[in-house]
Protein backbone atom coordinates (compact mmCIF):
# COMPACT_ATOMS: atom_id res chain seq x y z
CA MET A 1 -13.46 11.72 6.22
CA GLY A 2 -9.80 10.87 5.72
CA GLY A 3 -7.87 12.71 3.06
CA GLY A 4 -11.05 13.53 1.17
CA ASN A 5 -10.55 10.83 -1.44
CA GLU A 6 -12.56 7.85 -2.51
CA ALA A 7 -11.53 5.47 -5.28
CA PRO A 8 -12.06 1.81 -6.13
CA ASN A 9 -9.13 -0.50 -5.40
CA LEU A 10 -8.87 -1.38 -9.09
CA GLU A 11 -8.43 2.29 -10.01
CA ILE A 12 -5.58 2.65 -7.51
CA THR A 13 -4.05 -0.62 -8.71
CA ARG A 14 -4.12 0.61 -12.30
CA ARG A 15 -2.45 3.88 -11.27
CA ILE A 16 0.31 2.00 -9.44
CA LEU A 17 0.88 -0.17 -12.52
CA GLU A 18 1.05 2.97 -14.66
CA LEU A 19 3.56 4.61 -12.29
CA THR A 20 5.74 1.48 -12.29
CA GLY A 21 5.53 0.99 -16.04
CA ARG A 22 3.94 -2.43 -15.59
CA ASP A 23 1.19 -3.97 -17.68
CA GLU A 24 -2.37 -4.31 -16.46
CA SER A 25 -2.22 -8.01 -17.36
CA LEU A 26 -0.58 -8.46 -13.93
CA VAL A 27 -3.95 -7.87 -12.26
CA ARG A 28 -5.58 -11.09 -11.07
CA HIS A 29 -9.24 -11.02 -10.15
CA VAL A 30 -10.23 -13.43 -7.40
CA GLU A 31 -13.56 -14.42 -5.90
CA ASP A 32 -14.59 -12.32 -2.94
CA ARG A 33 -14.21 -14.04 0.40
CA PRO A 34 -17.13 -14.23 2.83
CA GLY A 35 -17.32 -11.07 4.93
CA HIS A 36 -15.16 -9.15 2.44
CA ASP A 37 -14.90 -5.45 3.35
CA ARG A 38 -16.63 -3.45 0.66
CA ARG A 39 -15.22 -0.11 1.76
CA TYR A 40 -12.47 1.28 3.95
CA ALA A 41 -12.86 4.72 5.47
CA LEU A 42 -10.89 6.86 7.88
CA ASP A 43 -12.33 9.45 10.19
CA THR A 44 -9.68 12.10 10.72
CA SER A 45 -11.96 14.59 12.46
CA LYS A 46 -10.12 14.23 15.80
CA LEU A 47 -6.76 14.80 14.11
CA ARG A 48 -8.12 17.81 12.26
CA ALA A 49 -9.50 19.20 15.54
CA LEU A 50 -5.90 19.12 16.80
CA GLY A 51 -4.77 21.14 13.77
CA TRP A 52 -3.66 18.33 11.46
CA ALA A 53 -4.24 18.55 7.74
CA PRO A 54 -2.77 16.48 4.93
CA ARG A 55 0.21 18.16 3.31
CA HIS A 56 -0.13 16.30 0.02
CA GLY A 57 -2.99 15.22 -2.18
CA PHE A 58 -3.58 11.51 -2.68
CA ALA A 59 -2.33 11.39 -6.28
CA GLU A 60 0.88 13.25 -5.39
CA ALA A 61 1.50 11.10 -2.31
CA LEU A 62 0.88 7.87 -4.24
CA GLU A 63 3.38 8.95 -6.88
CA ALA A 64 5.96 9.80 -4.18
CA THR A 65 5.40 6.46 -2.44
CA VAL A 66 5.88 4.51 -5.67
CA ALA A 67 9.03 6.53 -6.40
CA TRP A 68 10.37 5.75 -2.91
CA TYR A 69 10.00 2.01 -3.47
CA ARG A 70 11.38 2.25 -7.02
CA ASP A 71 14.47 4.11 -5.77
CA ARG A 72 15.06 1.85 -2.76
CA ARG A 73 15.14 -1.67 -4.20
CA ASP A 74 17.82 -2.49 -1.63
CA TRP A 75 15.16 -2.11 1.04
CA TRP A 76 12.46 -4.39 -0.39
CA GLU A 77 14.29 -6.92 -2.58
CA PRO A 78 15.67 -8.87 0.41
CA ILE A 79 12.13 -9.16 1.76
CA LYS A 80 10.85 -10.44 -1.57
CA ARG A 81 13.78 -12.89 -1.85
CA GLY A 82 12.93 -14.36 1.54
CA ASP A 83 15.97 -13.03 3.42
CA TYR A 84 13.70 -11.53 6.07
CA ARG A 85 11.88 -14.84 6.58
CA ARG A 86 15.21 -16.62 7.10
CA TYR A 87 16.31 -13.94 9.58
CA TYR A 88 12.98 -14.15 11.41
CA GLU A 89 13.19 -17.94 11.67
CA ARG A 90 16.79 -17.74 12.96
CA GLN A 91 15.84 -15.17 15.58
CA TYR A 92 12.57 -16.63 16.75
CA GLY A 93 12.74 -20.29 15.67
CA ALA A 94 9.80 -22.30 16.93
CA HIS A 95 8.15 -19.13 18.27
CA ALA A 96 7.57 -17.83 14.72
């Protein structure tokens, strides 16, 4: 068991939209692809055996993650604009 949480993707998506002040109309439902993973799960038992334990609950960590991205637009806007793709193509050219 990972952080001890289980939630449908749509529930998490709705929470992210709520935290960003965006409307749920942004959600687009698509047909499942063949072999679609129905569930993702982490087994943290080996980490826990070494003394690891999560320091934050899922809801708190999700809120902090959204806040990080909201406060650091300078980090992700160039990626969204395509600046990173142009850099990558310049650096790696035909190898990309």
